Amino acid sequence: MRAIGVGLRLLHDALPVDEFPFGPPPWVTDSPPIDRLVVCHGDACAPNTLIGDDGRCCGHVDLGDLGIADRWADIAVAMLSLS
């Protein structure tokens, strides 16, 4: 769980929203007020975070839904996939 959270934070902090060439992911519809816009993974389920032997995030896969959205969109999908 920690590796997924840290990995998403790294992704969200590393990619500049203002320079990202794509808009919101197609699955983003009516939503609550925005906390913080980031470049979201779009499918941040647990299997899409690569975790190294040391237990740390070492990358992400399946980036086909990358887009701009509230950071909680990724966090919600990640949490749901852990239950």
PDB file of N, CA and C in Angstrom:
ATOM      1  N   MET A   1       0.824  -1.175   0.000  1.00  0.00           N
ATOM      2  CA  MET A   1       0.000   0.000   0.000  1.00  0.00           C
ATOM      3  C   MET A   1       0.878   1.254   0.000  1.00  0.00           C
ATOM      4  N   ARG A   2       1.903   1.244   0.828  1.00  0.00           N
ATOM      5  CA  ARG A   2       2.796   2.406   0.901  1.00  0.00           C
ATOM      6  C   ARG A   2       3.497   2.636  -0.441  1.00  0.00           C
ATOM      7  N   ALA A   3       3.962   1.569  -1.077  1.00  0.00           N
ATOM      8  CA  ALA A   3       4.659   1.703  -2.357  1.00  0.00           C
ATOM      9  C   ALA A   3       3.738   2.291  -3.427  1.00  0.00           C
ATOM     10  N   ILE A   4       2.488   1.888  -3.422  1.00  0.00           N
ATOM     11  CA  ILE A   4       1.540   2.426  -4.403  1.00  0.00           C
ATOM     12  C   ILE A   4       1.314   3.912  -4.152  1.00  0.00           C
ATOM     13  N   GLY A   5       1.120   4.287  -2.891  1.00  0.00           N
ATOM     14  CA  GLY A   5       0.915   5.699  -2.557  1.00  0.00           C
ATOM     15  C   GLY A   5       2.111   6.556  -2.914  1.00  0.00           C
ATOM     16  N   VAL A   6       3.303   6.077  -2.574  1.00  0.00           N
ATOM     17  CA  VAL A   6       4.523   6.829  -2.896  1.00  0.00           C
ATOM     18  C   VAL A   6       4.702   6.920  -4.415  1.00  0.00           C
ATOM     19  N   GLY A   7       4.434   5.833  -5.108  1.00  0.00           N
ATOM     20  CA  GLY A   7       4.554   5.839  -6.566  1.00  0.00           C
ATOM     21  C   GLY A   7       3.606   6.827  -7.224  1.00  0.00           C
ATOM     22  N   LEU A   8       2.370   6.879  -6.732  1.00  0.00           N
ATOM     23  CA  LEU A   8       1.420   7.845  -7.293  1.00  0.00           C
ATOM     24  C   LEU A   8       1.847   9.273  -6.977  1.00  0.00           C
ATOM     25  N   ARG A   9       2.352   9.494  -5.780  1.00  0.00           N
ATOM     26  CA  ARG A   9       2.811  10.842  -5.414  1.00  0.00           C
ATOM     27  C   ARG A   9       3.955  11.284  -6.327  1.00  0.00           C
ATOM     28  N   LEU A  10       4.878  10.371  -6.597  1.00  0.00           N
ATOM     29  CA  LEU A  10       5.984  10.693  -7.502  1.00  0.00           C
ATOM     30  C   LEU A  10       5.472  11.034  -8.898  1.00  0.00           C
ATOM     31  N   LEU A  11       4.535  10.245  -9.392  1.00  0.00           N
ATOM     32  CA  LEU A  11       3.947  10.498 -10.710  1.00  0.00           C
ATOM     33  C   LEU A  11       3.243  11.842 -10.727  1.00  0.00           C
ATOM     34  N   HIS A  12       2.414  12.094  -9.726  1.00  0.00           N
ATOM     35  CA  HIS A  12       1.642  13.331  -9.671  1.00  0.00           C
ATOM     36  C   HIS A  12       2.541  14.560  -9.545  1.00  0.00           C
ATOM     37  N   ASP A  13       3.638  14.439  -8.818  1.00  0.00           N
ATOM     38  CA  ASP A  13       4.539  15.577  -8.632  1.00  0.00           C
ATOM     39  C   ASP A  13       5.476  15.799  -9.814  1.00  0.00           C
ATOM     40  N   ALA A  14       5.776  14.742 -10.569  1.00  0.00           N
ATOM     41  CA  ALA A  14       6.794  14.825 -11.622  1.00  0.00           C
ATOM     42  C   ALA A  14       6.286  15.407 -12.941  1.00  0.00           C
ATOM     43  N   LEU A  15       5.035  15.146 -13.268  1.00  0.00           N
ATOM     44  CA  LEU A  15       4.540  15.554 -14.586  1.00  0.00           C
ATOM     45  C   LEU A  15       3.799  16.891 -14.497  1.00  0.00           C
ATOM     46  N   PRO A  16       4.236  17.879 -15.273  1.00  0.00           N
ATOM     47  CA  PRO A  16       3.623  19.210 -15.203  1.00  0.00           C
ATOM     48  C   PRO A  16       2.263  19.266 -15.900  1.00  0.00           C
ATOM     49  N   VAL A  17       1.240  19.615 -15.152  1.00  0.00           N
ATOM     50  CA  VAL A  17      -0.124  19.692 -15.687  1.00  0.00           C
ATOM     51  C   VAL A  17      -0.205  20.711 -16.823  1.00  0.00           C
ATOM     52  N   ASP A  18       0.436  21.859 -16.661  1.00  0.00           N
ATOM     53  CA  ASP A  18       0.352  22.932 -17.657  1.00  0.00           C
ATOM     54  C   ASP A  18       0.963  22.557 -19.002  1.00  0.00           C
ATOM     55  N   GLU A  19       1.891  21.610 -19.006  1.00  0.00           N
ATOM     56  CA  GLU A  19       2.565  21.223 -20.241  1.00  0.00           C
ATOM     57  C   GLU A  19       2.062  19.896 -20.800  1.00  0.00           C
ATOM     58  N   PHE A  20       1.112  19.274 -20.117  1.00  0.00           N
ATOM     59  CA  PHE A  20       0.632  17.963 -20.543  1.00  0.00           C
ATOM     60  C   PHE A  20      -0.258  18.130 -21.769  1.00  0.00           C
ATOM     61  N   PRO A  21       0.009  17.372 -22.848  1.00  0.00           N
ATOM     62  CA  PRO A  21      -0.704  17.594 -24.111  1.00  0.00           C
ATOM     63  C   PRO A  21      -2.124  17.037 -24.188  1.00  0.00           C
ATOM     64  N   PHE A  22      -2.543  16.238 -23.216  1.00  0.00           N
ATOM     65  CA  PHE A  22      -3.870  15.625 -23.275  1.00  0.00           C
ATOM     66  C   PHE A  22      -4.758  16.192 -22.188  1.00  0.00           C
ATOM     67  N   GLY A  23      -6.054  16.159 -22.412  1.00  0.00           N
ATOM     68  CA  GLY A  23      -7.013  16.672 -21.439  1.00  0.00           C
ATOM     69  C   GLY A  23      -7.390  15.630 -20.412  1.00  0.00           C
ATOM     70  N   PRO A  24      -8.549  15.822 -19.800  1.00  0.00           N
ATOM     71  CA  PRO A  24      -9.017  14.882 -18.779  1.00  0.00           C
ATOM     72  C   PRO A  24      -9.224  13.482 -19.348  1.00  0.00           C
ATOM     73  N   PRO A  25      -8.985  12.435 -18.523  1.00  0.00           N
ATOM     74  CA  PRO A  25      -9.296  11.073 -18.986  1.00  0.00           C
ATOM     75  C   PRO A  25     -10.773  10.981 -19.349  1.00  0.00           C
ATOM     76  N   PRO A  26     -11.112  10.122 -20.304  1.00  0.00           N
ATOM     77  CA  PRO A  26     -12.503  10.035 -20.749  1.00  0.00           C
ATOM     78  C   PRO A  26     -13.475   9.599 -19.665  1.00  0.00           C
ATOM     79  N   TRP A  27     -12.994   8.961 -18.605  1.00  0.00           N
ATOM     80  CA  TRP A  27     -13.872   8.477 -17.546  1.00  0.00           C
ATOM     81  C   TRP A  27     -14.160   9.540 -16.502  1.00  0.00           C
ATOM     82  N   VAL A  28     -13.522  10.697 -16.595  1.00  0.00           N
ATOM     83  CA  VAL A  28     -13.776  11.764 -15.625  1.00  0.00           C
ATOM     84  C   VAL A  28     -15.051  12.497 -16.030  1.00  0.00           C
ATOM     85  N   THR A  29     -16.053  12.465 -15.184  1.00  0.00           N
ATOM     86  CA  THR A  29     -17.327  13.120 -15.459  1.00  0.00           C
ATOM     87  C   THR A  29     -17.616  14.097 -14.327  1.00  0.00           C
ATOM     88  N   ASP A  30     -18.867  14.283 -14.003  1.00  0.00           N
ATOM     89  CA  ASP A  30     -19.201  15.159 -12.886  1.00  0.00           C
ATOM     90  C   ASP A  30     -18.505  14.653 -11.627  1.00  0.00           C
ATOM     91  N   SER A  31     -17.888  15.568 -10.921  1.00  0.00           N
ATOM     92  CA  SER A  31     -17.135  15.164  -9.741  1.00  0.00           C
ATOM     93  C   SER A  31     -17.225  16.243  -8.671  1.00  0.00           C
ATOM     94  N   PRO A  32     -16.811  15.912  -7.455  1.00  0.00           N
ATOM     95  CA  PRO A  32     -16.796  16.910  -6.385  1.00  0.00           C
ATOM     96  C   PRO A  32     -15.756  17.989  -6.701  1.00  0.00           C
ATOM     97  N   PRO A  33     -15.706  19.036  -5.894  1.00  0.00           N
ATOM     98  CA  PRO A  33     -14.717  20.095  -6.140  1.00  0.00           C
ATOM     99  C   PRO A  33     -13.296  19.527  -6.206  1.00  0.00           C
ATOM    100  N   ILE A  34     -12.480  20.121  -7.040  1.00  0.00           N
ATOM    101  CA  ILE A  34     -11.122  19.638  -7.264  1.00  0.00           C
ATOM    102  C   ILE A  34     -10.219  20.015  -6.097  1.00  0.00           C
ATOM    103  N   ASP A  35      -9.486  19.015  -5.607  1.00  0.00           N
ATOM    104  CA  ASP A  35      -8.491  19.234  -4.557  1.00  0.00           C
ATOM    105  C   ASP A  35      -7.190  19.727  -5.190  1.00  0.00           C
ATOM    106  N   ARG A  36      -6.678  18.954  -6.154  1.00  0.00           N
ATOM    107  CA  ARG A  36      -5.436  19.323  -6.842  1.00  0.00           C
ATOM    108  C   ARG A  36      -5.391  18.608  -8.180  1.00  0.00           C
ATOM    109  N   LEU A  37      -5.327  19.372  -9.264  1.00  0.00           N
ATOM    110  CA  LEU A  37      -5.202  18.775 -10.586  1.00  0.00           C
ATOM    111  C   LEU A  37      -3.787  18.264 -10.788  1.00  0.00           C
ATOM    112  N   VAL A  38      -3.689  17.038 -11.286  1.00  0.00           N
ATOM    113  CA  VAL A  38      -2.397  16.419 -11.578  1.00  0.00           C
ATOM    114  C   VAL A  38      -2.538  15.620 -12.870  1.00  0.00           C
ATOM    115  N   VAL A  39      -1.421  15.176 -13.392  1.00  0.00           N
ATOM    116  CA  VAL A  39      -1.464  14.200 -14.470  1.00  0.00           C
ATOM    117  C   VAL A  39      -1.681  12.851 -13.788  1.00  0.00           C
ATOM    118  N   CYS A  40      -2.865  12.289 -14.001  1.00  0.00           N
ATOM    119  CA  CYS A  40      -3.262  11.038 -13.355  1.00  0.00           C
ATOM    120  C   CYS A  40      -2.897   9.839 -14.212  1.00  0.00           C
ATOM    121  N   HIS A  41      -2.639   8.739 -13.555  1.00  0.00           N
ATOM    122  CA  HIS A  41      -2.376   7.470 -14.228  1.00  0.00           C
ATOM    123  C   HIS A  41      -3.601   7.044 -15.029  1.00  0.00           C
ATOM    124  N   GLY A  42      -4.767   7.173 -14.431  1.00  0.00           N
ATOM    125  CA  GLY A  42      -6.001   6.818 -15.112  1.00  0.00           C
ATOM    126  C   GLY A  42      -6.485   5.403 -14.826  1.00  0.00           C
ATOM    127  N   ASP A  43      -5.589   4.518 -14.425  1.00  0.00           N
ATOM    128  CA  ASP A  43      -5.960   3.157 -14.028  1.00  0.00           C
ATOM    129  C   ASP A  43      -4.963   2.700 -12.968  1.00  0.00           C
ATOM    130  N   ALA A  44      -4.964   3.398 -11.853  1.00  0.00           N
ATOM    131  CA  ALA A  44      -3.941   3.206 -10.816  1.00  0.00           C
ATOM    132  C   ALA A  44      -4.232   2.022  -9.906  1.00  0.00           C
ATOM    133  N   CYS A  45      -4.782   0.938 -10.463  1.00  0.00           N
ATOM    134  CA  CYS A  45      -5.020  -0.251  -9.646  1.00  0.00           C
ATOM    135  C   CYS A  45      -3.674  -0.857  -9.253  1.00  0.00           C
ATOM    136  N   ALA A  46      -3.677  -1.623  -8.189  1.00  0.00           N
ATOM    137  CA  ALA A  46      -2.446  -2.163  -7.617  1.00  0.00           C
ATOM    138  C   ALA A  46      -1.550  -2.881  -8.635  1.00  0.00           C
ATOM    139  N   PRO A  47      -2.083  -3.707  -9.547  1.00  0.00           N
ATOM    140  CA  PRO A  47      -1.189  -4.405 -10.477  1.00  0.00           C
ATOM    141  C   PRO A  47      -0.446  -3.472 -11.442  1.00  0.00           C
ATOM    142  N   ASN A  48      -0.877  -2.238 -11.571  1.00  0.00           N
ATOM    143  CA  ASN A  48      -0.221  -1.316 -12.495  1.00  0.00           C
ATOM    144  C   ASN A  48       0.912  -0.524 -11.857  1.00  0.00           C
ATOM    145  N   THR A  49       1.223  -0.824 -10.600  1.00  0.00           N
ATOM    146  CA  THR A  49       2.385  -0.241  -9.936  1.00  0.00           C
ATOM    147  C   THR A  49       3.429  -1.344  -9.793  1.00  0.00           C
ATOM    148  N   LEU A  50       4.606  -1.094 -10.316  1.00  0.00           N
ATOM    149  CA  LEU A  50       5.686  -2.072 -10.207  1.00  0.00           C
ATOM    150  C   LEU A  50       6.411  -1.846  -8.889  1.00  0.00           C
ATOM    151  N   ILE A  51       6.587  -2.921  -8.136  1.00  0.00           N
ATOM    152  CA  ILE A  51       7.235  -2.844  -6.831  1.00  0.00           C
ATOM    153  C   ILE A  51       8.480  -3.718  -6.863  1.00  0.00           C
ATOM    154  N   GLY A  52       9.612  -3.106  -6.497  1.00  0.00           N
ATOM    155  CA  GLY A  52      10.890  -3.806  -6.525  1.00  0.00           C
ATOM    156  C   GLY A  52      11.060  -4.749  -5.353  1.00  0.00           C
ATOM    157  N   ASP A  53      12.158  -5.488  -5.379  1.00  0.00           N
ATOM    158  CA  ASP A  53      12.471  -6.428  -4.298  1.00  0.00           C
ATOM    159  C   ASP A  53      12.612  -5.732  -2.955  1.00  0.00           C
ATOM    160  N   ASP A  54      12.942  -4.435  -2.981  1.00  0.00           N
ATOM    161  CA  ASP A  54      13.101  -3.675  -1.737  1.00  0.00           C
ATOM    162  C   ASP A  54      11.771  -3.144  -1.203  1.00  0.00           C
ATOM    163  N   GLY A  55      10.657  -3.450  -1.898  1.00  0.00           N
ATOM    164  CA  GLY A  55       9.334  -3.013  -1.455  1.00  0.00           C
ATOM    165  C   GLY A  55       8.971  -1.603  -1.875  1.00  0.00           C
ATOM    166  N   ARG A  56       9.791  -0.982  -2.708  1.00  0.00           N
ATOM    167  CA  ARG A  56       9.522   0.386  -3.169  1.00  0.00           C
ATOM    168  C   ARG A  56       8.996   0.381  -4.600  1.00  0.00           C
ATOM    169  N   CYS A  57       8.230   1.424  -4.900  1.00  0.00           N
ATOM    170  CA  CYS A  57       7.734   1.589  -6.263  1.00  0.00           C
ATOM    171  C   CYS A  57       8.916   1.820  -7.196  1.00  0.00           C
ATOM    172  N   CYS A  58       8.926   1.082  -8.306  1.00  0.00           N
ATOM    173  CA  CYS A  58       9.997   1.282  -9.283  1.00  0.00           C
ATOM    174  C   CYS A  58       9.443   1.619 -10.660  1.00  0.00           C
ATOM    175  N   GLY A  59       8.133   1.841 -10.760  1.00  0.00           N
ATOM    176  CA  GLY A  59       7.558   2.248 -12.035  1.00  0.00           C
ATOM    177  C   GLY A  59       6.069   1.979 -12.124  1.00  0.00           C
ATOM    178  N   HIS A  60       5.509   2.402 -13.255  1.00  0.00           N
ATOM    179  CA  HIS A  60       4.086   2.206 -13.536  1.00  0.00           C
ATOM    180  C   HIS A  60       3.943   1.614 -14.927  1.00  0.00           C
ATOM    181  N   VAL A  61       2.914   0.818 -15.115  1.00  0.00           N
ATOM    182  CA  VAL A  61       2.600   0.258 -16.433  1.00  0.00           C
ATOM    183  C   VAL A  61       1.162   0.606 -16.784  1.00  0.00           C
ATOM    184  N   ASP A  62       0.784   0.333 -18.026  1.00  0.00           N
ATOM    185  CA  ASP A  62      -0.576   0.559 -18.521  1.00  0.00           C
ATOM    186  C   ASP A  62      -0.955   2.035 -18.403  1.00  0.00           C
ATOM    187  N   LEU A  63      -0.229   2.873 -19.121  1.00  0.00           N
ATOM    188  CA  LEU A  63      -0.430   4.320 -19.050  1.00  0.00           C
ATOM    189  C   LEU A  63      -1.360   4.851 -20.149  1.00  0.00           C
ATOM    190  N   GLY A  64      -2.166   3.992 -20.717  1.00  0.00           N
ATOM    191  CA  GLY A  64      -3.045   4.386 -21.809  1.00  0.00           C
ATOM    192  C   GLY A  64      -4.126   5.385 -21.438  1.00  0.00           C
ATOM    193  N   ASP A  65      -4.472   5.487 -20.160  1.00  0.00           N
ATOM    194  CA  ASP A  65      -5.512   6.421 -19.717  1.00  0.00           C
ATOM    195  C   ASP A  65      -4.930   7.655 -19.024  1.00  0.00           C
ATOM    196  N   LEU A  66      -3.648   7.911 -19.215  1.00  0.00           N
ATOM    197  CA  LEU A  66      -3.013   9.075 -18.613  1.00  0.00           C
ATOM    198  C   LEU A  66      -3.764  10.338 -19.000  1.00  0.00           C
ATOM    199  N   GLY A  67      -4.030  11.198 -18.045  1.00  0.00           N
ATOM    200  CA  GLY A  67      -4.754  12.437 -18.335  1.00  0.00           C
ATOM    201  C   GLY A  67      -4.782  13.339 -17.117  1.00  0.00           C
ATOM    202  N   ILE A  68      -5.368  14.480 -17.262  1.00  0.00           N
ATOM    203  CA  ILE A  68      -5.453  15.449 -16.173  1.00  0.00           C
ATOM    204  C   ILE A  68      -6.729  15.216 -15.381  1.00  0.00           C
ATOM    205  N   ALA A  69      -6.571  15.097 -14.065  1.00  0.00           N
ATOM    206  CA  ALA A  69      -7.719  14.891 -13.178  1.00  0.00           C
ATOM    207  C   ALA A  69      -7.296  15.229 -11.754  1.00  0.00           C
ATOM    208  N   ASP A  70      -8.252  15.217 -10.851  1.00  0.00           N
ATOM    209  CA  ASP A  70      -7.959  15.407  -9.447  1.00  0.00           C
ATOM    210  C   ASP A  70      -7.146  14.210  -8.960  1.00  0.00           C
ATOM    211  N   ARG A  71      -6.176  14.445  -8.117  1.00  0.00           N
ATOM    212  CA  ARG A  71      -5.319  13.358  -7.640  1.00  0.00           C
ATOM    213  C   ARG A  71      -6.104  12.260  -6.941  1.00  0.00           C
ATOM    214  N   TRP A  72      -7.242  12.604  -6.381  1.00  0.00           N
ATOM    215  CA  TRP A  72      -8.056  11.613  -5.679  1.00  0.00           C
ATOM    216  C   TRP A  72      -8.651  10.580  -6.624  1.00  0.00           C
ATOM    217  N   ALA A  73      -8.716  10.878  -7.912  1.00  0.00           N
ATOM    218  CA  ALA A  73      -9.211   9.883  -8.873  1.00  0.00           C
ATOM    219  C   ALA A  73      -8.282   8.665  -8.881  1.00  0.00           C
ATOM    220  N   ASP A  74      -6.971   8.909  -8.907  1.00  0.00           N
ATOM    221  CA  ASP A  74      -6.016   7.798  -8.848  1.00  0.00           C
ATOM    222  C   ASP A  74      -6.020   7.118  -7.492  1.00  0.00           C
ATOM    223  N   ILE A  75      -6.064   7.902  -6.432  1.00  0.00           N
ATOM    224  CA  ILE A  75      -6.021   7.338  -5.081  1.00  0.00           C
ATOM    225  C   ILE A  75      -7.231   6.439  -4.839  1.00  0.00           C
ATOM    226  N   ALA A  76      -8.392   6.852  -5.316  1.00  0.00           N
ATOM    227  CA  ALA A  76      -9.609   6.051  -5.120  1.00  0.00           C
ATOM    228  C   ALA A  76      -9.504   4.703  -5.839  1.00  0.00           C
ATOM    229  N   VAL A  77      -9.012   4.712  -7.062  1.00  0.00           N
ATOM    230  CA  VAL A  77      -8.884   3.461  -7.815  1.00  0.00           C
ATOM    231  C   VAL A  77      -7.866   2.547  -7.134  1.00  0.00           C
ATOM    232  N   ALA A  78      -6.757   3.108  -6.687  1.00  0.00           N
ATOM    233  CA  ALA A  78      -5.736   2.310  -6.007  1.00  0.00           C
ATOM    234  C   ALA A  78      -6.309   1.675  -4.728  1.00  0.00           C
ATOM    235  N   MET A  79      -7.004   2.452  -3.954  1.00  0.00           N
ATOM    236  CA  MET A  79      -7.575   1.931  -2.703  1.00  0.00           C
ATOM    237  C   MET A  79      -8.622   0.852  -2.988  1.00  0.00           C
ATOM    238  N   LEU A  80      -9.455   1.076  -3.965  1.00  0.00           N
ATOM    239  CA  LEU A  80     -10.485   0.100  -4.313  1.00  0.00           C
ATOM    240  C   LEU A  80      -9.852  -1.232  -4.737  1.00  0.00           C
ATOM    241  N   SER A  81      -8.740  -1.161  -5.458  1.00  0.00           N
ATOM    242  CA  SER A  81      -8.120  -2.395  -5.937  1.00  0.00           C
ATOM    243  C   SER A  81      -7.430  -3.176  -4.823  1.00  0.00           C
ATOM    244  N   LEU A  82      -7.192  -2.543  -3.682  1.00  0.00           N
ATOM    245  CA  LEU A  82      -6.559  -3.229  -2.559  1.00  0.00           C
ATOM    246  C   LEU A  82      -7.550  -3.980  -1.683  1.00  0.00           C
ATOM    247  N   SER A  83      -8.840  -3.680  -1.841  1.00  0.00           N
ATOM    248  CA  SER A  83      -9.820  -4.331  -0.967  1.00  0.00           C
ATOM    249  C   SER A  83     -10.302  -5.658  -1.503  1.00  0.00           C
TER     250      SER A  83
END
